[in-house]
Amino acid sequence: MCQPCGCDTAAADTAGAEAPGAAEGVRVYTVEGMTCGHCVNSVSAEVGRVPGVTGVQVDLEAGRVSVSGSGFDDAAIGGAVRDAGYALAAG
């Protein structure tokens, strides 16, 4: 796979390549109020419905949610967490 180097040379084989800027990444959020397995399931389900999200991992003990994918934003994740009945920690 061709790595971007700034030389403006097009890749020779772009079949199946994602659009520029569509690289998958992981963002970690702190969620307030999760206390049990039901909380984990609720947050996982709602966040997993956000367009662009391809994976959700909830760490109940740490109160963190790792979200992988591309094309989603913090507001969409915050809305999904609120829909599940919880809140993103400020900061």
PDB file of N, CA and C in Angstrom:
ATOM      1  N   MET A   1       0.844  -1.170   0.000  1.00  0.00           N
ATOM      2  CA  MET A   1       0.000   0.000   0.000  1.00  0.00           C
ATOM      3  C   MET A   1       0.888   1.232   0.000  1.00  0.00           C
ATOM      4  N   CYS A   2       0.494   2.194  -0.786  1.00  0.00           N
ATOM      5  CA  CYS A   2       1.246   3.445  -0.890  1.00  0.00           C
ATOM      6  C   CYS A   2       1.014   4.296   0.357  1.00  0.00           C
ATOM      7  N   GLN A   3       2.065   4.800   0.945  1.00  0.00           N
ATOM      8  CA  GLN A   3       1.964   5.669   2.109  1.00  0.00           C
ATOM      9  C   GLN A   3       2.036   7.122   1.642  1.00  0.00           C
ATOM     10  N   PRO A   4       1.183   8.009   2.150  1.00  0.00           N
ATOM     11  CA  PRO A   4       1.232   9.411   1.734  1.00  0.00           C
ATOM     12  C   PRO A   4       2.566  10.051   2.123  1.00  0.00           C
ATOM     13  N   CYS A   5       3.165  10.708   1.144  1.00  0.00           N
ATOM     14  CA  CYS A   5       4.455  11.337   1.422  1.00  0.00           C
ATOM     15  C   CYS A   5       4.485  12.807   1.020  1.00  0.00           C
ATOM     16  N   GLY A   6       3.380  13.295   0.439  1.00  0.00           N
ATOM     17  CA  GLY A   6       3.342  14.695   0.059  1.00  0.00           C
ATOM     18  C   GLY A   6       3.917  14.976  -1.311  1.00  0.00           C
ATOM     19  N   CYS A   7       4.269  13.934  -2.083  1.00  0.00           N
ATOM     20  CA  CYS A   7       4.865  14.164  -3.395  1.00  0.00           C
ATOM     21  C   CYS A   7       3.824  14.303  -4.492  1.00  0.00           C
ATOM     22  N   ASP A   8       2.549  14.169  -4.164  1.00  0.00           N
ATOM     23  CA  ASP A   8       1.436  14.275  -5.104  1.00  0.00           C
ATOM     24  C   ASP A   8       1.442  13.204  -6.176  1.00  0.00           C
ATOM     25  N   THR A   9       2.146  12.117  -5.970  1.00  0.00           N
ATOM     26  CA  THR A   9       2.129  11.006  -6.909  1.00  0.00           C
ATOM     27  C   THR A   9       0.958  10.105  -6.565  1.00  0.00           C
ATOM     28  N   ALA A  10       0.123   9.829  -7.557  1.00  0.00           N
ATOM     29  CA  ALA A  10      -1.038   8.974  -7.313  1.00  0.00           C
ATOM     30  C   ALA A  10      -0.576   7.539  -7.111  1.00  0.00           C
ATOM     31  N   ALA A  11      -1.288   6.815  -6.254  1.00  0.00           N
ATOM     32  CA  ALA A  11      -0.985   5.403  -6.039  1.00  0.00           C
ATOM     33  C   ALA A  11      -1.322   4.636  -7.303  1.00  0.00           C
ATOM     34  N   ALA A  12      -0.526   3.646  -7.627  1.00  0.00           N
ATOM     35  CA  ALA A  12      -0.724   2.866  -8.840  1.00  0.00           C
ATOM     36  C   ALA A  12      -1.955   1.983  -8.748  1.00  0.00           C
ATOM     37  N   ASP A  13      -2.244   1.444  -7.574  1.00  0.00           N
ATOM     38  CA  ASP A  13      -3.374   0.540  -7.397  1.00  0.00           C
ATOM     39  C   ASP A  13      -4.229   1.056  -6.251  1.00  0.00           C
ATOM     40  N   THR A  14      -5.384   1.638  -6.592  1.00  0.00           N
ATOM     41  CA  THR A  14      -6.256   2.181  -5.562  1.00  0.00           C
ATOM     42  C   THR A  14      -7.545   1.383  -5.436  1.00  0.00           C
ATOM     43  N   ALA A  15      -7.624   0.232  -6.036  1.00  0.00           N
ATOM     44  CA  ALA A  15      -8.829  -0.581  -5.955  1.00  0.00           C
ATOM     45  C   ALA A  15      -9.118  -0.936  -4.506  1.00  0.00           C
ATOM     46  N   GLY A  16     -10.337  -0.629  -4.067  1.00  0.00           N
ATOM     47  CA  GLY A  16     -10.751  -0.958  -2.712  1.00  0.00           C
ATOM     48  C   GLY A  16     -10.220  -0.003  -1.663  1.00  0.00           C
ATOM     49  N   ALA A  17      -9.524   1.025  -2.077  1.00  0.00           N
ATOM     50  CA  ALA A  17      -8.977   1.974  -1.110  1.00  0.00           C
ATOM     51  C   ALA A  17     -10.087   2.870  -0.580  1.00  0.00           C
ATOM     52  N   GLU A  18      -9.959   3.310   0.659  1.00  0.00           N
ATOM     53  CA  GLU A  18     -10.933   4.216   1.248  1.00  0.00           C
ATOM     54  C   GLU A  18     -10.636   5.629   0.794  1.00  0.00           C
ATOM     55  N   ALA A  19     -11.624   6.478   0.894  1.00  0.00           N
ATOM     56  CA  ALA A  19     -11.460   7.877   0.524  1.00  0.00           C
ATOM     57  C   ALA A  19     -10.437   8.529   1.447  1.00  0.00           C
ATOM     58  N   PRO A  20      -9.751   9.583   0.958  1.00  0.00           N
ATOM     59  CA  PRO A  20      -8.800  10.279   1.809  1.00  0.00           C
ATOM     60  C   PRO A  20      -9.481  10.773   3.080  1.00  0.00           C
ATOM     61  N   GLY A  21      -8.815  10.621   4.198  1.00  0.00           N
ATOM     62  CA  GLY A  21      -9.355  11.056   5.473  1.00  0.00           C
ATOM     63  C   GLY A  21     -10.304  10.049   6.112  1.00  0.00           C
ATOM     64  N   ALA A  22     -10.515   8.906   5.461  1.00  0.00           N
ATOM     65  CA  ALA A  22     -11.466   7.934   5.980  1.00  0.00           C
ATOM     66  C   ALA A  22     -10.784   6.828   6.775  1.00  0.00           C
ATOM     67  N   ALA A  23      -9.540   7.022   7.111  1.00  0.00           N
ATOM     68  CA  ALA A  23      -8.810   5.996   7.857  1.00  0.00           C
ATOM     69  C   ALA A  23      -9.502   5.743   9.190  1.00  0.00           C
ATOM     70  N   GLU A  24      -9.563   4.480   9.549  1.00  0.00           N
ATOM     71  CA  GLU A  24     -10.213   4.115  10.791  1.00  0.00           C
ATOM     72  C   GLU A  24      -9.312   4.478  11.958  1.00  0.00           C
ATOM     73  N   GLY A  25      -9.930   4.986  13.004  1.00  0.00           N
ATOM     74  CA  GLY A  25      -9.188   5.347  14.198  1.00  0.00           C
ATOM     75  C   GLY A  25      -9.957   4.956  15.437  1.00  0.00           C
ATOM     76  N   VAL A  26      -9.360   5.185  16.583  1.00  0.00           N
ATOM     77  CA  VAL A  26      -9.988   4.865  17.861  1.00  0.00           C
ATOM     78  C   VAL A  26      -9.997   6.127  18.722  1.00  0.00           C
ATOM     79  N   ARG A  27     -11.152   6.411  19.303  1.00  0.00           N
ATOM     80  CA  ARG A  27     -11.267   7.516  20.257  1.00  0.00           C
ATOM     81  C   ARG A  27     -11.749   6.936  21.577  1.00  0.00           C
ATOM     82  N   VAL A  28     -11.272   7.500  22.671  1.00  0.00           N
ATOM     83  CA  VAL A  28     -11.642   7.017  24.001  1.00  0.00           C
ATOM     84  C   VAL A  28     -12.392   8.132  24.723  1.00  0.00           C
ATOM     85  N   TYR A  29     -13.531   7.767  25.308  1.00  0.00           N
ATOM     86  CA  TYR A  29     -14.388   8.704  26.025  1.00  0.00           C
ATOM     87  C   TYR A  29     -14.574   8.212  27.458  1.00  0.00           C
ATOM     88  N   THR A  30     -14.725   9.153  28.394  1.00  0.00           N
ATOM     89  CA  THR A  30     -15.048   8.812  29.768  1.00  0.00           C
ATOM     90  C   THR A  30     -16.543   9.024  29.958  1.00  0.00           C
ATOM     91  N   VAL A  31     -17.204   7.994  30.481  1.00  0.00           N
ATOM     92  CA  VAL A  31     -18.653   8.027  30.663  1.00  0.00           C
ATOM     93  C   VAL A  31     -18.970   8.014  32.154  1.00  0.00           C
ATOM     94  N   GLU A  32     -19.844   8.919  32.574  1.00  0.00           N
ATOM     95  CA  GLU A  32     -20.237   9.013  33.975  1.00  0.00           C
ATOM     96  C   GLU A  32     -21.498   8.191  34.223  1.00  0.00           C
ATOM     97  N   GLY A  33     -21.531   7.489  35.345  1.00  0.00           N
ATOM     98  CA  GLY A  33     -22.733   6.832  35.791  1.00  0.00           C
ATOM     99  C   GLY A  33     -22.855   5.346  35.505  1.00  0.00           C
ATOM    100  N   MET A  34     -21.912   4.758  34.815  1.00  0.00           N
ATOM    101  CA  MET A  34     -21.996   3.318  34.540  1.00  0.00           C
ATOM    102  C   MET A  34     -21.608   2.542  35.796  1.00  0.00           C
ATOM    103  N   THR A  35     -22.454   1.573  36.179  1.00  0.00           N
ATOM    104  CA  THR A  35     -22.186   0.820  37.402  1.00  0.00           C
ATOM    105  C   THR A  35     -22.299  -0.691  37.255  1.00  0.00           C
ATOM    106  N   CYS A  36     -22.844  -1.180  36.124  1.00  0.00           N
ATOM    107  CA  CYS A  36     -23.093  -2.614  36.022  1.00  0.00           C
ATOM    108  C   CYS A  36     -23.068  -3.086  34.564  1.00  0.00           C
ATOM    109  N   GLY A  37     -23.285  -4.370  34.392  1.00  0.00           N
ATOM    110  CA  GLY A  37     -23.296  -4.959  33.057  1.00  0.00           C
ATOM    111  C   GLY A  37     -24.393  -4.407  32.173  1.00  0.00           C
ATOM    112  N   HIS A  38     -25.541  -4.058  32.760  1.00  0.00           N
ATOM    113  CA  HIS A  38     -26.615  -3.444  31.974  1.00  0.00           C
ATOM    114  C   HIS A  38     -26.144  -2.114  31.391  1.00  0.00           C
ATOM    115  N   CYS A  39     -25.415  -1.357  32.173  1.00  0.00           N
ATOM    116  CA  CYS A  39     -24.864  -0.082  31.699  1.00  0.00           C
ATOM    117  C   CYS A  39     -23.967  -0.318  30.488  1.00  0.00           C
ATOM    118  N   VAL A  40     -23.102  -1.302  30.589  1.00  0.00           N
ATOM    119  CA  VAL A  40     -22.182  -1.637  29.507  1.00  0.00           C
ATOM    120  C   VAL A  40     -22.968  -1.994  28.249  1.00  0.00           C
ATOM    121  N   ASN A  41     -23.987  -2.837  28.397  1.00  0.00           N
ATOM    122  CA  ASN A  41     -24.789  -3.247  27.240  1.00  0.00           C
ATOM    123  C   ASN A  41     -25.529  -2.072  26.613  1.00  0.00           C
ATOM    124  N   SER A  42     -26.088  -1.202  27.438  1.00  0.00           N
ATOM    125  CA  SER A  42     -26.832  -0.051  26.934  1.00  0.00           C
ATOM    126  C   SER A  42     -25.937   0.905  26.160  1.00  0.00           C
ATOM    127  N   VAL A  43     -24.796   1.238  26.745  1.00  0.00           N
ATOM    128  CA  VAL A  43     -23.868   2.155  26.088  1.00  0.00           C
ATOM    129  C   VAL A  43     -23.317   1.522  24.809  1.00  0.00           C
ATOM    130  N   SER A  44     -22.951   0.254  24.872  1.00  0.00           N
ATOM    131  CA  SER A  44     -22.425  -0.427  23.679  1.00  0.00           C
ATOM    132  C   SER A  44     -23.433  -0.422  22.542  1.00  0.00           C
ATOM    133  N   ALA A  45     -24.679  -0.715  22.853  1.00  0.00           N
ATOM    134  CA  ALA A  45     -25.709  -0.776  21.819  1.00  0.00           C
ATOM    135  C   ALA A  45     -25.953   0.586  21.184  1.00  0.00           C
ATOM    136  N   GLU A  46     -26.108   1.617  21.994  1.00  0.00           N
ATOM    137  CA  GLU A  46     -26.394   2.951  21.449  1.00  0.00           C
ATOM    138  C   GLU A  46     -25.217   3.509  20.652  1.00  0.00           C
ATOM    139  N   VAL A  47     -24.016   3.397  21.195  1.00  0.00           N
ATOM    140  CA  VAL A  47     -22.839   3.914  20.486  1.00  0.00           C
ATOM    141  C   VAL A  47     -22.607   3.120  19.206  1.00  0.00           C
ATOM    142  N   GLY A  48     -22.870   1.826  19.250  1.00  0.00           N
ATOM    143  CA  GLY A  48     -22.696   0.992  18.063  1.00  0.00           C
ATOM    144  C   GLY A  48     -23.617   1.351  16.914  1.00  0.00           C
ATOM    145  N   ARG A  49     -24.702   2.060  17.191  1.00  0.00           N
ATOM    146  CA  ARG A  49     -25.648   2.493  16.150  1.00  0.00           C
ATOM    147  C   ARG A  49     -25.218   3.776  15.436  1.00  0.00           C
ATOM    148  N   VAL A  50     -24.227   4.463  15.961  1.00  0.00           N
ATOM    149  CA  VAL A  50     -23.783   5.722  15.349  1.00  0.00           C
ATOM    150  C   VAL A  50     -23.145   5.412  13.992  1.00  0.00           C
ATOM    151  N   PRO A  51     -23.582   6.100  12.934  1.00  0.00           N
ATOM    152  CA  PRO A  51     -22.976   5.871  11.615  1.00  0.00           C
ATOM    153  C   PRO A  51     -21.468   6.086  11.643  1.00  0.00           C
ATOM    154  N   GLY A  52     -20.744   5.154  11.068  1.00  0.00           N
ATOM    155  CA  GLY A  52     -19.287   5.228  11.010  1.00  0.00           C
ATOM    156  C   GLY A  52     -18.590   4.438  12.103  1.00  0.00           C
ATOM    157  N   VAL A  53     -19.319   4.064  13.143  1.00  0.00           N
ATOM    158  CA  VAL A  53     -18.736   3.291  14.242  1.00  0.00           C
ATOM    159  C   VAL A  53     -18.666   1.824  13.826  1.00  0.00           C
ATOM    160  N   THR A  54     -17.476   1.241  13.947  1.00  0.00           N
ATOM    161  CA  THR A  54     -17.301  -0.170  13.593  1.00  0.00           C
ATOM    162  C   THR A  54     -17.008  -1.044  14.804  1.00  0.00           C
ATOM    163  N   GLY A  55     -16.706  -0.434  15.951  1.00  0.00           N
ATOM    164  CA  GLY A  55     -16.422  -1.214  17.146  1.00  0.00           C
ATOM    165  C   GLY A  55     -16.560  -0.381  18.401  1.00  0.00           C
ATOM    166  N   VAL A  56     -17.032  -1.031  19.469  1.00  0.00           N
ATOM    167  CA  VAL A  56     -17.196  -0.363  20.763  1.00  0.00           C
ATOM    168  C   VAL A  56     -16.687  -1.301  21.846  1.00  0.00           C
ATOM    169  N   GLN A  57     -15.827  -0.789  22.710  1.00  0.00           N
ATOM    170  CA  GLN A  57     -15.361  -1.554  23.864  1.00  0.00           C
ATOM    171  C   GLN A  57     -15.572  -0.698  25.107  1.00  0.00           C
ATOM    172  N   VAL A  58     -16.294  -1.256  26.079  1.00  0.00           N
ATOM    173  CA  VAL A  58     -16.589  -0.529  27.304  1.00  0.00           C
ATOM    174  C   VAL A  58     -15.787  -1.140  28.445  1.00  0.00           C
ATOM    175  N   ASP A  59     -15.050  -0.280  29.157  1.00  0.00           N
ATOM    176  CA  ASP A  59     -14.305  -0.690  30.348  1.00  0.00           C
ATOM    177  C   ASP A  59     -15.066  -0.133  31.542  1.00  0.00           C
ATOM    178  N   LEU A  60     -15.903  -0.970  32.152  1.00  0.00           N
ATOM    179  CA  LEU A  60     -16.758  -0.538  33.252  1.00  0.00           C
ATOM    180  C   LEU A  60     -15.936  -0.005  34.421  1.00  0.00           C
ATOM    181  N   GLU A  61     -14.907  -0.718  34.791  1.00  0.00           N
ATOM    182  CA  GLU A  61     -14.091  -0.329  35.945  1.00  0.00           C
ATOM    183  C   GLU A  61     -13.466   1.050  35.768  1.00  0.00           C
ATOM    184  N   ALA A  62     -12.973   1.324  34.568  1.00  0.00           N
ATOM    185  CA  ALA A  62     -12.338   2.615  34.295  1.00  0.00           C
ATOM    186  C   ALA A  62     -13.348   3.680  33.892  1.00  0.00           C
ATOM    187  N   GLY A  63     -14.567   3.261  33.536  1.00  0.00           N
ATOM    188  CA  GLY A  63     -15.578   4.213  33.085  1.00  0.00           C
ATOM    189  C   GLY A  63     -15.251   4.789  31.721  1.00  0.00           C
ATOM    190  N   ARG A  64     -14.642   3.979  30.880  1.00  0.00           N
ATOM    191  CA  ARG A  64     -14.223   4.460  29.560  1.00  0.00           C
ATOM    192  C   ARG A  64     -14.852   3.640  28.446  1.00  0.00           C
ATOM    193  N   VAL A  65     -15.071   4.303  27.322  1.00  0.00           N
ATOM    194  CA  VAL A  65     -15.591   3.661  26.127  1.00  0.00           C
ATOM    195  C   VAL A  65     -14.627   3.956  24.988  1.00  0.00           C
ATOM    196  N   SER A  66     -14.115   2.903  24.354  1.00  0.00           N
ATOM    197  CA  SER A  66     -13.249   3.045  23.184  1.00  0.00           C
ATOM    198  C   SER A  66     -14.107   2.798  21.955  1.00  0.00           C
ATOM    199  N   VAL A  67     -14.084   3.754  21.036  1.00  0.00           N
ATOM    200  CA  VAL A  67     -14.911   3.684  19.842  1.00  0.00           C
ATOM    201  C   VAL A  67     -14.001   3.683  18.625  1.00  0.00           C
ATOM    202  N   SER A  68     -14.171   2.684  17.756  1.00  0.00           N
ATOM    203  CA  SER A  68     -13.382   2.638  16.525  1.00  0.00           C
ATOM    204  C   SER A  68     -14.286   2.850  15.339  1.00  0.00           C
ATOM    205  N   GLY A  69     -13.688   3.358  14.277  1.00  0.00           N
ATOM    206  CA  GLY A  69     -14.426   3.611  13.044  1.00  0.00           C
ATOM    207  C   GLY A  69     -13.930   4.877  12.390  1.00  0.00           C
ATOM    208  N   SER A  70     -14.759   5.425  11.509  1.00  0.00           N
ATOM    209  CA  SER A  70     -14.412   6.667  10.834  1.00  0.00           C
ATOM    210  C   SER A  70     -15.695   7.408  10.487  1.00  0.00           C
ATOM    211  N   GLY A  71     -15.613   8.705  10.391  1.00  0.00           N
ATOM    212  CA  GLY A  71     -16.748   9.510   9.993  1.00  0.00           C
ATOM    213  C   GLY A  71     -17.713   9.865  11.107  1.00  0.00           C
ATOM    214  N   PHE A  72     -17.450   9.479  12.338  1.00  0.00           N
ATOM    215  CA  PHE A  72     -18.307   9.877  13.455  1.00  0.00           C
ATOM    216  C   PHE A  72     -17.655  11.048  14.179  1.00  0.00           C
ATOM    217  N   ASP A  73     -18.458  11.779  14.937  1.00  0.00           N
ATOM    218  CA  ASP A  73     -17.880  12.887  15.698  1.00  0.00           C
ATOM    219  C   ASP A  73     -18.257  12.776  17.176  1.00  0.00           C
ATOM    220  N   ASP A  74     -17.625  13.601  17.978  1.00  0.00           N
ATOM    221  CA  ASP A  74     -17.831  13.549  19.420  1.00  0.00           C
ATOM    222  C   ASP A  74     -19.280  13.837  19.800  1.00  0.00           C
ATOM    223  N   ALA A  75     -19.931  14.743  19.064  1.00  0.00           N
ATOM    224  CA  ALA A  75     -21.326  15.079  19.367  1.00  0.00           C
ATOM    225  C   ALA A  75     -22.232  13.870  19.168  1.00  0.00           C
ATOM    226  N   ALA A  76     -21.992  13.105  18.113  1.00  0.00           N
ATOM    227  CA  ALA A  76     -22.806  11.915  17.854  1.00  0.00           C
ATOM    228  C   ALA A  76     -22.598  10.876  18.945  1.00  0.00           C
ATOM    229  N   ILE A  77     -21.362  10.710  19.394  1.00  0.00           N
ATOM    230  CA  ILE A  77     -21.087   9.752  20.468  1.00  0.00           C
ATOM    231  C   ILE A  77     -21.731  10.235  21.760  1.00  0.00           C
ATOM    232  N   GLY A  78     -21.613  11.523  22.054  1.00  0.00           N
ATOM    233  CA  GLY A  78     -22.241  12.082  23.251  1.00  0.00           C
ATOM    234  C   GLY A  78     -23.754  11.896  23.238  1.00  0.00           C
ATOM    235  N   GLY A  79     -24.376  12.094  22.079  1.00  0.00           N
ATOM    236  CA  GLY A  79     -25.817  11.896  21.956  1.00  0.00           C
ATOM    237  C   GLY A  79     -26.208  10.451  22.194  1.00  0.00           C
ATOM    238  N   ALA A  80     -25.420   9.524  21.662  1.00  0.00           N
ATOM    239  CA  ALA A  80     -25.700   8.098  21.861  1.00  0.00           C
ATOM    240  C   ALA A  80     -25.555   7.720  23.325  1.00  0.00           C
ATOM    241  N   VAL A  81     -24.550   8.251  23.988  1.00  0.00           N
ATOM    242  CA  VAL A  81     -24.353   7.969  25.410  1.00  0.00           C
ATOM    243  C   VAL A  81     -25.526   8.532  26.217  1.00  0.00           C
ATOM    244  N   ARG A  82     -25.993   9.732  25.863  1.00  0.00           N
ATOM    245  CA  ARG A  82     -27.163  10.314  26.538  1.00  0.00           C
ATOM    246  C   ARG A  82     -28.411   9.469  26.286  1.00  0.00           C
ATOM    247  N   ASP A  83     -28.577   8.993  25.052  1.00  0.00           N
ATOM    248  CA  ASP A  83     -29.723   8.132  24.731  1.00  0.00           C
ATOM    249  C   ASP A  83     -29.717   6.857  25.576  1.00  0.00           C
ATOM    250  N   ALA A  84     -28.523   6.393  25.936  1.00  0.00           N
ATOM    251  CA  ALA A  84     -28.410   5.213  26.787  1.00  0.00           C
ATOM    252  C   ALA A  84     -28.665   5.530  28.255  1.00  0.00           C
ATOM    253  N   GLY A  85     -28.729   6.836  28.595  1.00  0.00           N
ATOM    254  CA  GLY A  85     -29.022   7.230  29.966  1.00  0.00           C
ATOM    255  C   GLY A  85     -27.814   7.667  30.768  1.00  0.00           C
ATOM    256  N   TYR A  86     -26.725   7.981  30.104  1.00  0.00           N
ATOM    257  CA  TYR A  86     -25.479   8.338  30.798  1.00  0.00           C
ATOM    258  C   TYR A  86     -24.951   9.643  30.200  1.00  0.00           C
ATOM    259  N   ALA A  87     -23.798  10.084  30.647  1.00  0.00           N
ATOM    260  CA  ALA A  87     -23.213  11.330  30.150  1.00  0.00           C
ATOM    261  C   ALA A  87     -21.722  11.190  29.964  1.00  0.00           C
ATOM    262  N   LEU A  88     -21.209  11.888  28.947  1.00  0.00           N
ATOM    263  CA  LEU A  88     -19.760  11.952  28.787  1.00  0.00           C
ATOM    264  C   LEU A  88     -19.213  12.894  29.851  1.00  0.00           C
ATOM    265  N   ALA A  89     -18.088  12.545  30.411  1.00  0.00           N
ATOM    266  CA  ALA A  89     -17.436  13.409  31.401  1.00  0.00           C
ATOM    267  C   ALA A  89     -16.901  14.652  30.689  1.00  0.00           C
ATOM    268  N   ALA A  90     -16.995  15.769  31.333  1.00  0.00           N
ATOM    269  CA  ALA A  90     -16.461  17.012  30.778  1.00  0.00           C
ATOM    270  C   ALA A  90     -14.956  16.948  30.741  1.00  0.00           C
ATOM    271  N   GLY A  91     -14.401  17.588  29.738  1.00  0.00           N
ATOM    272  CA  GLY A  91     -12.948  17.656  29.709  1.00  0.00           C
ATOM    273  C   GLY A  91     -12.404  16.994  28.600  1.00  0.00           C
TER     274      GLY A  91
END
